[in-house]
Amino acid sequence: MQISWRVAFLIVAAAGAMHLSLWKIFVVLVGYLGFEQLDRRLSRRAKEKAIHDVMCGWKTSAEDPEYEDKGEVSRARLTGSDQIITARVADGGVFFMCDMCDDKKFP
């Protein structure tokens, strides 16, 4: 967990200016850390879900096997190495291969 030291400093400085006791400063800092961790988890989950929605669930088109269909959307079919490169670019350079594509519900 990496916190923003600027925010922590501002919390402590503002609490000192308002003459708050140490336990109140501690409660505010713990609350800030908790909500920041929650925000990181929610944003990571949203990012993984977005990648999952783009990478998974495509079926080979019955009309043209070089295309894939998902609902009413169609795209050119990605082969093995192209699909891995697409996943790497989508995840910001970190290797992520959608292992939830096996008809599992995304968490």
PDB file of N, CA and C in Angstrom:
ATOM      1  N   MET A   1       0.842  -1.167   0.000  1.00  0.00           N
ATOM      2  CA  MET A   1       0.000   0.000   0.000  1.00  0.00           C
ATOM      3  C   MET A   1       0.893   1.238   0.000  1.00  0.00           C
ATOM      4  N   GLN A   2       0.696   2.104  -0.951  1.00  0.00           N
ATOM      5  CA  GLN A   2       1.472   3.322  -1.063  1.00  0.00           C
ATOM      6  C   GLN A   2       0.541   4.503  -0.841  1.00  0.00           C
ATOM      7  N   ILE A   3       0.816   5.296   0.195  1.00  0.00           N
ATOM      8  CA  ILE A   3      -0.054   6.422   0.500  1.00  0.00           C
ATOM      9  C   ILE A   3       0.529   7.695  -0.095  1.00  0.00           C
ATOM     10  N   SER A   4      -0.317   8.686  -0.218  1.00  0.00           N
ATOM     11  CA  SER A   4       0.123   9.995  -0.659  1.00  0.00           C
ATOM     12  C   SER A   4       0.638  10.743   0.566  1.00  0.00           C
ATOM     13  N   TRP A   5       1.922  10.957   0.603  1.00  0.00           N
ATOM     14  CA  TRP A   5       2.524  11.626   1.762  1.00  0.00           C
ATOM     15  C   TRP A   5       2.086  13.081   1.846  1.00  0.00           C
ATOM     16  N   ARG A   6       1.751  13.679   0.730  1.00  0.00           N
ATOM     17  CA  ARG A   6       1.256  15.063   0.741  1.00  0.00           C
ATOM     18  C   ARG A   6      -0.061  15.155   1.513  1.00  0.00           C
ATOM     19  N   VAL A   7      -0.937  14.205   1.240  1.00  0.00           N
ATOM     20  CA  VAL A   7      -2.240  14.213   1.912  1.00  0.00           C
ATOM     21  C   VAL A   7      -2.057  13.943   3.398  1.00  0.00           C
ATOM     22  N   ALA A   8      -1.197  12.984   3.739  1.00  0.00           N
ATOM     23  CA  ALA A   8      -0.945  12.688   5.151  1.00  0.00           C
ATOM     24  C   ALA A   8      -0.382  13.919   5.859  1.00  0.00           C
ATOM     25  N   PHE A   9       0.537  14.619   5.203  1.00  0.00           N
ATOM     26  CA  PHE A   9       1.094  15.838   5.793  1.00  0.00           C
ATOM     27  C   PHE A   9       0.015  16.894   5.985  1.00  0.00           C
ATOM     28  N   LEU A  10      -0.838  17.081   4.983  1.00  0.00           N
ATOM     29  CA  LEU A  10      -1.905  18.078   5.097  1.00  0.00           C
ATOM     30  C   LEU A  10      -2.893  17.733   6.201  1.00  0.00           C
ATOM     31  N   ILE A  11      -3.180  16.440   6.371  1.00  0.00           N
ATOM     32  CA  ILE A  11      -4.082  16.025   7.452  1.00  0.00           C
ATOM     33  C   ILE A  11      -3.472  16.364   8.800  1.00  0.00           C
ATOM     34  N   VAL A  12      -2.195  16.027   8.972  1.00  0.00           N
ATOM     35  CA  VAL A  12      -1.523  16.296  10.247  1.00  0.00           C
ATOM     36  C   VAL A  12      -1.383  17.799  10.472  1.00  0.00           C
ATOM     37  N   ALA A  13      -1.028  18.551   9.438  1.00  0.00           N
ATOM     38  CA  ALA A  13      -0.874  20.003   9.585  1.00  0.00           C
ATOM     39  C   ALA A  13      -2.212  20.664   9.926  1.00  0.00           C
ATOM     40  N   ALA A  14      -3.288  20.271   9.225  1.00  0.00           N
ATOM     41  CA  ALA A  14      -4.606  20.843   9.508  1.00  0.00           C
ATOM     42  C   ALA A  14      -5.076  20.458  10.910  1.00  0.00           C
ATOM     43  N   ALA A  15      -4.817  19.226  11.312  1.00  0.00           N
ATOM     44  CA  ALA A  15      -5.208  18.791  12.656  1.00  0.00           C
ATOM     45  C   ALA A  15      -4.418  19.554  13.713  1.00  0.00           C
ATOM     46  N   GLY A  16      -3.142  19.813  13.433  1.00  0.00           N
ATOM     47  CA  GLY A  16      -2.347  20.617  14.375  1.00  0.00           C
ATOM     48  C   GLY A  16      -2.849  22.036  14.466  1.00  0.00           C
ATOM     49  N   ALA A  17      -3.254  22.605  13.335  1.00  0.00           N
ATOM     50  CA  ALA A  17      -3.780  23.973  13.334  1.00  0.00           C
ATOM     51  C   ALA A  17      -5.112  24.062  14.074  1.00  0.00           C
ATOM     52  N   MET A  18      -5.868  22.979  14.056  1.00  0.00           N
ATOM     53  CA  MET A  18      -7.168  22.961  14.740  1.00  0.00           C
ATOM     54  C   MET A  18      -7.037  22.448  16.170  1.00  0.00           C
ATOM     55  N   HIS A  19      -5.818  22.158  16.604  1.00  0.00           N
ATOM     56  CA  HIS A  19      -5.526  21.701  17.974  1.00  0.00           C
ATOM     57  C   HIS A  19      -6.282  20.418  18.321  1.00  0.00           C
ATOM     58  N   LEU A  20      -6.289  19.469  17.398  1.00  0.00           N
ATOM     59  CA  LEU A  20      -6.930  18.175  17.657  1.00  0.00           C
ATOM     60  C   LEU A  20      -5.973  17.283  18.442  1.00  0.00           C
ATOM     61  N   SER A  21      -6.544  16.380  19.200  1.00  0.00           N
ATOM     62  CA  SER A  21      -5.709  15.458  19.969  1.00  0.00           C
ATOM     63  C   SER A  21      -5.105  14.399  19.054  1.00  0.00           C
ATOM     64  N   LEU A  22      -4.092  13.710  19.564  1.00  0.00           N
ATOM     65  CA  LEU A  22      -3.391  12.710  18.764  1.00  0.00           C
ATOM     66  C   LEU A  22      -4.310  11.556  18.332  1.00  0.00           C
ATOM     67  N   TRP A  23      -5.218  11.132  19.191  1.00  0.00           N
ATOM     68  CA  TRP A  23      -6.069  10.005  18.811  1.00  0.00           C
ATOM     69  C   TRP A  23      -7.030  10.405  17.690  1.00  0.00           C
ATOM     70  N   LYS A  24      -7.468  11.672  17.644  1.00  0.00           N
ATOM     71  CA  LYS A  24      -8.332  12.117  16.553  1.00  0.00           C
ATOM     72  C   LYS A  24      -7.550  12.180  15.235  1.00  0.00           C
ATOM     73  N   ILE A  25      -6.294  12.624  15.311  1.00  0.00           N
ATOM     74  CA  ILE A  25      -5.441  12.624  14.120  1.00  0.00           C
ATOM     75  C   ILE A  25      -5.248  11.203  13.627  1.00  0.00           C
ATOM     76  N   PHE A  26      -5.023  10.283  14.552  1.00  0.00           N
ATOM     77  CA  PHE A  26      -4.844   8.872  14.206  1.00  0.00           C
ATOM     78  C   PHE A  26      -6.096   8.317  13.540  1.00  0.00           C
ATOM     79  N   VAL A  27      -7.264   8.636  14.067  1.00  0.00           N
ATOM     80  CA  VAL A  27      -8.525   8.150  13.484  1.00  0.00           C
ATOM     81  C   VAL A  27      -8.699   8.685  12.064  1.00  0.00           C
ATOM     82  N   VAL A  28      -8.392   9.952  11.848  1.00  0.00           N
ATOM     83  CA  VAL A  28      -8.528  10.539  10.513  1.00  0.00           C
ATOM     84  C   VAL A  28      -7.545   9.881   9.549  1.00  0.00           C
ATOM     85  N   LEU A  29      -6.293   9.664   9.980  1.00  0.00           N
ATOM     86  CA  LEU A  29      -5.304   9.021   9.111  1.00  0.00           C
ATOM     87  C   LEU A  29      -5.689   7.586   8.773  1.00  0.00           C
ATOM     88  N   VAL A  30      -6.175   6.846   9.760  1.00  0.00           N
ATOM     89  CA  VAL A  30      -6.613   5.462   9.500  1.00  0.00           C
ATOM     90  C   VAL A  30      -7.807   5.455   8.549  1.00  0.00           C
ATOM     91  N   GLY A  31      -8.741   6.391   8.725  1.00  0.00           N
ATOM     92  CA  GLY A  31      -9.877   6.490   7.815  1.00  0.00           C
ATOM     93  C   GLY A  31      -9.434   6.811   6.407  1.00  0.00           C
ATOM     94  N   TYR A  32      -8.486   7.730   6.279  1.00  0.00           N
ATOM     95  CA  TYR A  32      -7.953   8.073   4.955  1.00  0.00           C
ATOM     96  C   TYR A  32      -7.296   6.853   4.312  1.00  0.00           C
ATOM     97  N   LEU A  33      -6.469   6.143   5.064  1.00  0.00           N
ATOM     98  CA  LEU A  33      -5.789   4.969   4.514  1.00  0.00           C
ATOM     99  C   LEU A  33      -6.788   3.890   4.097  1.00  0.00           C
ATOM    100  N   GLY A  34      -7.824   3.698   4.907  1.00  0.00           N
ATOM    101  CA  GLY A  34      -8.841   2.696   4.577  1.00  0.00           C
ATOM    102  C   GLY A  34      -9.587   3.029   3.297  1.00  0.00           C
ATOM    103  N   PHE A  35     -10.002   4.278   3.176  1.00  0.00           N
ATOM    104  CA  PHE A  35     -10.737   4.673   1.969  1.00  0.00           C
ATOM    105  C   PHE A  35      -9.844   4.706   0.737  1.00  0.00           C
ATOM    106  N   GLU A  36      -8.578   5.039   0.915  1.00  0.00           N
ATOM    107  CA  GLU A  36      -7.675   5.008  -0.236  1.00  0.00           C
ATOM    108  C   GLU A  36      -7.470   3.569  -0.714  1.00  0.00           C
ATOM    109  N   GLN A  37      -7.329   2.633   0.227  1.00  0.00           N
ATOM    110  CA  GLN A  37      -7.184   1.225  -0.146  1.00  0.00           C
ATOM    111  C   GLN A  37      -8.450   0.720  -0.842  1.00  0.00           C
ATOM    112  N   LEU A  38      -9.616   1.100  -0.342  1.00  0.00           N
ATOM    113  CA  LEU A  38     -10.881   0.716  -0.971  1.00  0.00           C
ATOM    114  C   LEU A  38     -10.967   1.270  -2.395  1.00  0.00           C
ATOM    115  N   ASP A  39     -10.560   2.518  -2.569  1.00  0.00           N
ATOM    116  CA  ASP A  39     -10.582   3.135  -3.891  1.00  0.00           C
ATOM    117  C   ASP A  39      -9.657   2.398  -4.850  1.00  0.00           C
ATOM    118  N   ARG A  40      -8.478   2.010  -4.398  1.00  0.00           N
ATOM    119  CA  ARG A  40      -7.542   1.263  -5.255  1.00  0.00           C
ATOM    120  C   ARG A  40      -8.119  -0.088  -5.664  1.00  0.00           C
ATOM    121  N   ARG A  41      -8.731  -0.775  -4.715  1.00  0.00           N
ATOM    122  CA  ARG A  41      -9.318  -2.082  -5.038  1.00  0.00           C
ATOM    123  C   ARG A  41     -10.458  -1.949  -6.052  1.00  0.00           C
ATOM    124  N   LEU A  42     -11.314  -0.957  -5.846  1.00  0.00           N
ATOM    125  CA  LEU A  42     -12.440  -0.774  -6.763  1.00  0.00           C
ATOM    126  C   LEU A  42     -11.965  -0.376  -8.154  1.00  0.00           C
ATOM    127  N   SER A  43     -10.950   0.479  -8.236  1.00  0.00           N
ATOM    128  CA  SER A  43     -10.453   0.879  -9.555  1.00  0.00           C
ATOM    129  C   SER A  43      -9.746  -0.287 -10.244  1.00  0.00           C
ATOM    130  N   ARG A  44      -9.016  -1.114  -9.494  1.00  0.00           N
ATOM    131  CA  ARG A  44      -8.371  -2.282 -10.088  1.00  0.00           C
ATOM    132  C   ARG A  44      -9.412  -3.277 -10.593  1.00  0.00           C
ATOM    133  N   ARG A  45     -10.473  -3.478  -9.823  1.00  0.00           N
ATOM    134  CA  ARG A  45     -11.537  -4.384 -10.247  1.00  0.00           C
ATOM    135  C   ARG A  45     -12.239  -3.878 -11.498  1.00  0.00           C
ATOM    136  N   ALA A  46     -12.488  -2.572 -11.571  1.00  0.00           N
ATOM    137  CA  ALA A  46     -13.125  -1.993 -12.759  1.00  0.00           C
ATOM    138  C   ALA A  46     -12.224  -2.133 -13.984  1.00  0.00           C
ATOM    139  N   LYS A  47     -10.924  -1.948 -13.798  1.00  0.00           N
ATOM    140  CA  LYS A  47      -9.974  -2.090 -14.906  1.00  0.00           C
ATOM    141  C   LYS A  47      -9.934  -3.538 -15.399  1.00  0.00           C
ATOM    142  N   GLU A  48      -9.876  -4.491 -14.465  1.00  0.00           N
ATOM    143  CA  GLU A  48      -9.859  -5.904 -14.860  1.00  0.00           C
ATOM    144  C   GLU A  48     -11.158  -6.297 -15.550  1.00  0.00           C
ATOM    145  N   LYS A  49     -12.286  -5.756 -15.080  1.00  0.00           N
ATOM    146  CA  LYS A  49     -13.570  -6.072 -15.714  1.00  0.00           C
ATOM    147  C   LYS A  49     -13.624  -5.509 -17.129  1.00  0.00           C
ATOM    148  N   ALA A  50     -13.098  -4.305 -17.328  1.00  0.00           N
ATOM    149  CA  ALA A  50     -13.082  -3.710 -18.665  1.00  0.00           C
ATOM    150  C   ALA A  50     -12.231  -4.540 -19.621  1.00  0.00           C
ATOM    151  N   ILE A  51     -11.080  -5.002 -19.161  1.00  0.00           N
ATOM    152  CA  ILE A  51     -10.217  -5.850 -19.986  1.00  0.00           C
ATOM    153  C   ILE A  51     -10.907  -7.177 -20.265  1.00  0.00           C
ATOM    154  N   HIS A  52     -11.554  -7.734 -19.269  1.00  0.00           N
ATOM    155  CA  HIS A  52     -12.268  -8.997 -19.438  1.00  0.00           C
ATOM    156  C   HIS A  52     -13.364  -8.862 -20.485  1.00  0.00           C
ATOM    157  N   ASP A  53     -14.111  -7.756 -20.435  1.00  0.00           N
ATOM    158  CA  ASP A  53     -15.200  -7.547 -21.394  1.00  0.00           C
ATOM    159  C   ASP A  53     -14.687  -7.431 -22.821  1.00  0.00           C
ATOM    160  N   VAL A  54     -13.501  -6.846 -23.001  1.00  0.00           N
ATOM    161  CA  VAL A  54     -12.939  -6.694 -24.340  1.00  0.00           C
ATOM    162  C   VAL A  54     -12.330  -8.001 -24.832  1.00  0.00           C
ATOM    163  N   MET A  55     -11.671  -8.746 -23.962  1.00  0.00           N
ATOM    164  CA  MET A  55     -10.913  -9.921 -24.377  1.00  0.00           C
ATOM    165  C   MET A  55     -11.751 -11.202 -24.457  1.00  0.00           C
ATOM    166  N   CYS A  56     -12.787 -11.304 -23.671  1.00  0.00           N
ATOM    167  CA  CYS A  56     -13.492 -12.583 -23.545  1.00  0.00           C
ATOM    168  C   CYS A  56     -14.909 -12.531 -24.107  1.00  0.00           C
ATOM    169  N   GLY A  57     -15.430 -13.709 -24.408  1.00  0.00           N
ATOM    170  CA  GLY A  57     -16.821 -13.840 -24.833  1.00  0.00           C
ATOM    171  C   GLY A  57     -17.057 -13.746 -26.325  1.00  0.00           C
ATOM    172  N   TRP A  58     -16.009 -13.698 -27.107  1.00  0.00           N
ATOM    173  CA  TRP A  58     -16.161 -13.590 -28.560  1.00  0.00           C
ATOM    174  C   TRP A  58     -16.313 -14.979 -29.164  1.00  0.00           C
ATOM    175  N   LYS A  59     -17.240 -15.131 -30.083  1.00  0.00           N
ATOM    176  CA  LYS A  59     -17.490 -16.397 -30.785  1.00  0.00           C
ATOM    177  C   LYS A  59     -17.128 -16.224 -32.255  1.00  0.00           C
ATOM    178  N   THR A  60     -16.595 -17.272 -32.857  1.00  0.00           N
ATOM    179  CA  THR A  60     -16.253 -17.226 -34.275  1.00  0.00           C
ATOM    180  C   THR A  60     -17.511 -17.020 -35.101  1.00  0.00           C
ATOM    181  N   SER A  61     -17.444 -16.102 -36.039  1.00  0.00           N
ATOM    182  CA  SER A  61     -18.594 -15.767 -36.867  1.00  0.00           C
ATOM    183  C   SER A  61     -18.949 -16.943 -37.771  1.00  0.00           C
ATOM    184  N   ALA A  62     -20.239 -17.214 -37.885  1.00  0.00           N
ATOM    185  CA  ALA A  62     -20.698 -18.288 -38.759  1.00  0.00           C
ATOM    186  C   ALA A  62     -20.554 -17.898 -40.231  1.00  0.00           C
ATOM    187  N   GLU A  63     -20.632 -16.613 -40.518  1.00  0.00           N
ATOM    188  CA  GLU A  63     -20.555 -16.139 -41.898  1.00  0.00           C
ATOM    189  C   GLU A  63     -19.122 -16.068 -42.405  1.00  0.00           C
ATOM    190  N   ASP A  64     -18.187 -15.638 -41.564  1.00  0.00           N
ATOM    191  CA  ASP A  64     -16.795 -15.474 -41.973  1.00  0.00           C
ATOM    192  C   ASP A  64     -15.897 -15.884 -40.806  1.00  0.00           C
ATOM    193  N   PRO A  65     -15.138 -16.985 -40.930  1.00  0.00           N
ATOM    194  CA  PRO A  65     -14.333 -17.472 -39.814  1.00  0.00           C
ATOM    195  C   PRO A  65     -13.173 -16.547 -39.436  1.00  0.00           C
ATOM    196  N   GLU A  66     -12.894 -15.513 -40.234  1.00  0.00           N
ATOM    197  CA  GLU A  66     -11.841 -14.565 -39.881  1.00  0.00           C
ATOM    198  C   GLU A  66     -12.349 -13.468 -38.945  1.00  0.00           C
ATOM    199  N   TYR A  67     -13.630 -13.512 -38.598  1.00  0.00           N
ATOM    200  CA  TYR A  67     -14.217 -12.507 -37.717  1.00  0.00           C
ATOM    201  C   TYR A  67     -14.827 -13.179 -36.495  1.00  0.00           C
ATOM    202  N   GLU A  68     -14.987 -12.387 -35.435  1.00  0.00           N
ATOM    203  CA  GLU A  68     -15.616 -12.840 -34.203  1.00  0.00           C
ATOM    204  C   GLU A  68     -16.819 -11.951 -33.912  1.00  0.00           C
ATOM    205  N   ASP A  69     -17.841 -12.554 -33.330  1.00  0.00           N
ATOM    206  CA  ASP A  69     -19.054 -11.815 -32.978  1.00  0.00           C
ATOM    207  C   ASP A  69     -19.267 -11.864 -31.479  1.00  0.00           C
ATOM    208  N   LYS A  70     -19.788 -10.749 -30.962  1.00  0.00           N
ATOM    209  CA  LYS A  70     -20.195 -10.676 -29.557  1.00  0.00           C
ATOM    210  C   LYS A  70     -21.419  -9.782 -29.528  1.00  0.00           C
ATOM    211  N   GLY A  71     -22.567 -10.400 -29.392  1.00  0.00           N
ATOM    212  CA  GLY A  71     -23.809  -9.642 -29.486  1.00  0.00           C
ATOM    213  C   GLY A  71     -23.994  -9.153 -30.912  1.00  0.00           C
ATOM    214  N   GLU A  72     -24.127  -7.855 -31.082  1.00  0.00           N
ATOM    215  CA  GLU A  72     -24.281  -7.284 -32.414  1.00  0.00           C
ATOM    216  C   GLU A  72     -22.997  -6.653 -32.921  1.00  0.00           C
ATOM    217  N   VAL A  73     -21.899  -6.867 -32.211  1.00  0.00           N
ATOM    218  CA  VAL A  73     -20.610  -6.290 -32.580  1.00  0.00           C
ATOM    219  C   VAL A  73     -19.749  -7.369 -33.224  1.00  0.00           C
ATOM    220  N   SER A  74     -18.981  -6.970 -34.237  1.00  0.00           N
ATOM    221  CA  SER A  74     -18.101  -7.896 -34.936  1.00  0.00           C
ATOM    222  C   SER A  74     -16.713  -7.283 -35.014  1.00  0.00           C
ATOM    223  N   ARG A  75     -15.670  -8.133 -34.951  1.00  0.00           N
ATOM    224  CA  ARG A  75     -14.295  -7.653 -35.074  1.00  0.00           C
ATOM    225  C   ARG A  75     -13.464  -8.705 -35.789  1.00  0.00           C
ATOM    226  N   ALA A  76     -12.313  -8.291 -36.291  1.00  0.00           N
ATOM    227  CA  ALA A  76     -11.387  -9.234 -36.917  1.00  0.00           C
ATOM    228  C   ALA A  76     -10.861 -10.171 -35.837  1.00  0.00           C
ATOM    229  N   ARG A  77     -10.736 -11.426 -36.172  1.00  0.00           N
ATOM    230  CA  ARG A  77     -10.312 -12.440 -35.205  1.00  0.00           C
ATOM    231  C   ARG A  77      -8.836 -12.256 -34.860  1.00  0.00           C
ATOM    232  N   LEU A  78      -8.523 -12.280 -33.574  1.00  0.00           N
ATOM    233  CA  LEU A  78      -7.150 -12.175 -33.111  1.00  0.00           C
ATOM    234  C   LEU A  78      -6.583 -13.571 -32.905  1.00  0.00           C
ATOM    235  N   THR A  79      -5.406 -13.805 -33.457  1.00  0.00           N
ATOM    236  CA  THR A  79      -4.754 -15.094 -33.252  1.00  0.00           C
ATOM    237  C   THR A  79      -3.873 -15.029 -32.017  1.00  0.00           C
ATOM    238  N   GLY A  80      -3.238 -16.122 -31.668  1.00  0.00           N
ATOM    239  CA  GLY A  80      -2.480 -16.264 -30.429  1.00  0.00           C
ATOM    240  C   GLY A  80      -1.576 -15.114 -30.048  1.00  0.00           C
ATOM    241  N   SER A  81      -0.562 -14.815 -30.851  1.00  0.00           N
ATOM    242  CA  SER A  81       0.395 -13.771 -30.466  1.00  0.00           C
ATOM    243  C   SER A  81      -0.246 -12.390 -30.507  1.00  0.00           C
ATOM    244  N   ASP A  82      -1.156 -12.144 -31.445  1.00  0.00           N
ATOM    245  CA  ASP A  82      -1.834 -10.845 -31.497  1.00  0.00           C
ATOM    246  C   ASP A  82      -2.705 -10.634 -30.262  1.00  0.00           C
ATOM    247  N   GLN A  83      -3.324 -11.703 -29.788  1.00  0.00           N
ATOM    248  CA  GLN A  83      -4.185 -11.596 -28.623  1.00  0.00           C
ATOM    249  C   GLN A  83      -3.360 -11.299 -27.374  1.00  0.00           C
ATOM    250  N   ILE A  84      -2.203 -11.920 -27.243  1.00  0.00           N
ATOM    251  CA  ILE A  84      -1.344 -11.668 -26.085  1.00  0.00           C
ATOM    252  C   ILE A  84      -0.835 -10.234 -26.119  1.00  0.00           C
ATOM    253  N   ILE A  85      -0.443  -9.744 -27.284  1.00  0.00           N
ATOM    254  CA  ILE A  85       0.028  -8.365 -27.398  1.00  0.00           C
ATOM    255  C   ILE A  85      -1.090  -7.390 -27.045  1.00  0.00           C
ATOM    256  N   THR A  86      -2.291  -7.661 -27.494  1.00  0.00           N
ATOM    257  CA  THR A  86      -3.428  -6.808 -27.175  1.00  0.00           C
ATOM    258  C   THR A  86      -3.667  -6.771 -25.672  1.00  0.00           C
ATOM    259  N   ALA A  87      -3.564  -7.916 -25.022  1.00  0.00           N
ATOM    260  CA  ALA A  87      -3.754  -7.969 -23.573  1.00  0.00           C
ATOM    261  C   ALA A  87      -2.662  -7.188 -22.860  1.00  0.00           C
ATOM    262  N   ARG A  88      -1.427  -7.263 -23.346  1.00  0.00           N
ATOM    263  CA  ARG A  88      -0.339  -6.519 -22.701  1.00  0.00           C
ATOM    264  C   ARG A  88      -0.532  -5.026 -22.844  1.00  0.00           C
ATOM    265  N   VAL A  89      -0.945  -4.573 -24.010  1.00  0.00           N
ATOM    266  CA  VAL A  89      -1.170  -3.146 -24.228  1.00  0.00           C
ATOM    267  C   VAL A  89      -2.343  -2.667 -23.384  1.00  0.00           C
ATOM    268  N   ALA A  90      -3.393  -3.452 -23.313  1.00  0.00           N
ATOM    269  CA  ALA A  90      -4.582  -3.068 -22.553  1.00  0.00           C
ATOM    270  C   ALA A  90      -4.283  -2.955 -21.069  1.00  0.00           C
ATOM    271  N   ASP A  91      -3.359  -3.742 -20.564  1.00  0.00           N
ATOM    272  CA  ASP A  91      -3.065  -3.740 -19.141  1.00  0.00           C
ATOM    273  C   ASP A  91      -1.873  -2.856 -18.806  1.00  0.00           C
ATOM    274  N   GLY A  92      -1.456  -2.016 -19.703  1.00  0.00           N
ATOM    275  CA  GLY A  92      -0.389  -1.081 -19.403  1.00  0.00           C
ATOM    276  C   GLY A  92       0.983  -1.712 -19.357  1.00  0.00           C
ATOM    277  N   GLY A  93       1.208  -2.745 -20.124  1.00  0.00           N
ATOM    278  CA  GLY A  93       2.530  -3.350 -20.203  1.00  0.00           C
ATOM    279  C   GLY A  93       2.719  -4.551 -19.294  1.00  0.00           C
ATOM    280  N   VAL A  94       1.801  -4.810 -18.404  1.00  0.00           N
ATOM    281  CA  VAL A  94       1.924  -5.962 -17.521  1.00  0.00           C
ATOM    282  C   VAL A  94       1.168  -7.115 -18.165  1.00  0.00           C
ATOM    283  N   PHE A  95       1.785  -8.286 -18.200  1.00  0.00           N
ATOM    284  CA  PHE A  95       1.165  -9.428 -18.849  1.00  0.00           C
ATOM    285  C   PHE A  95      -0.112  -9.818 -18.115  1.00  0.00           C
ATOM    286  N   PHE A  96      -1.201  -9.864 -18.849  1.00  0.00           N
ATOM    287  CA  PHE A  96      -2.497 -10.257 -18.301  1.00  0.00           C
ATOM    288  C   PHE A  96      -3.219 -11.044 -19.371  1.00  0.00           C
ATOM    289  N   MET A  97      -3.360 -12.313 -19.169  1.00  0.00           N
ATOM    290  CA  MET A  97      -4.127 -13.132 -20.097  1.00  0.00           C
ATOM    291  C   MET A  97      -5.404 -13.518 -19.389  1.00  0.00           C
ATOM    292  N   CYS A  98      -6.500 -13.262 -20.009  1.00  0.00           N
ATOM    293  CA  CYS A  98      -7.796 -13.465 -19.382  1.00  0.00           C
ATOM    294  C   CYS A  98      -8.025 -14.947 -19.110  1.00  0.00           C
ATOM    295  N   ASP A  99      -7.871 -15.346 -17.864  1.00  0.00           N
ATOM    296  CA  ASP A  99      -8.087 -16.742 -17.522  1.00  0.00           C
ATOM    297  C   ASP A  99      -9.517 -16.987 -17.081  1.00  0.00           C
ATOM    298  N   MET A 100     -10.368 -15.952 -17.134  1.00  0.00           N
ATOM    299  CA  MET A 100     -11.757 -16.102 -16.740  1.00  0.00           C
ATOM    300  C   MET A 100     -12.666 -16.267 -17.945  1.00  0.00           C
ATOM    301  N   CYS A 101     -12.089 -16.517 -19.090  1.00  0.00           N
ATOM    302  CA  CYS A 101     -12.885 -16.633 -20.311  1.00  0.00           C
ATOM    303  C   CYS A 101     -13.568 -17.986 -20.453  1.00  0.00           C
ATOM    304  N   ASP A 102     -13.317 -18.875 -19.546  1.00  0.00           N
ATOM    305  CA  ASP A 102     -13.874 -20.218 -19.640  1.00  0.00           C
ATOM    306  C   ASP A 102     -15.282 -20.259 -19.076  1.00  0.00           C
ATOM    307  N   ASP A 103     -16.111 -19.321 -19.527  1.00  0.00           N
ATOM    308  CA  ASP A 103     -17.509 -19.218 -19.129  1.00  0.00           C
ATOM    309  C   ASP A 103     -17.680 -19.101 -17.612  1.00  0.00           C
ATOM    310  N   LYS A 104     -16.699 -18.503 -16.947  1.00  0.00           N
ATOM    311  CA  LYS A 104     -16.823 -18.207 -15.527  1.00  0.00           C
ATOM    312  C   LYS A 104     -17.333 -16.782 -15.383  1.00  0.00           C
ATOM    313  N   LYS A 105     -18.107 -16.548 -14.383  1.00  0.00           N
ATOM    314  CA  LYS A 105     -18.591 -15.199 -14.147  1.00  0.00           C
ATOM    315  C   LYS A 105     -17.473 -14.369 -13.535  1.00  0.00           C
ATOM    316  N   PHE A 106     -17.336 -13.147 -14.041  1.00  0.00           N
ATOM    317  CA  PHE A 106     -16.297 -12.251 -13.511  1.00  0.00           C
ATOM    318  C   PHE A 106     -16.693 -11.831 -12.110  1.00  0.00           C
ATOM    319  N   PRO A 107     -15.751 -11.815 -11.161  1.00  0.00           N
ATOM    320  CA  PRO A 107     -16.100 -11.475  -9.774  1.00  0.00           C
ATOM    321  C   PRO A 107     -16.550 -10.051  -9.611  1.00  0.00           C
TER     322      PRO A 107
END
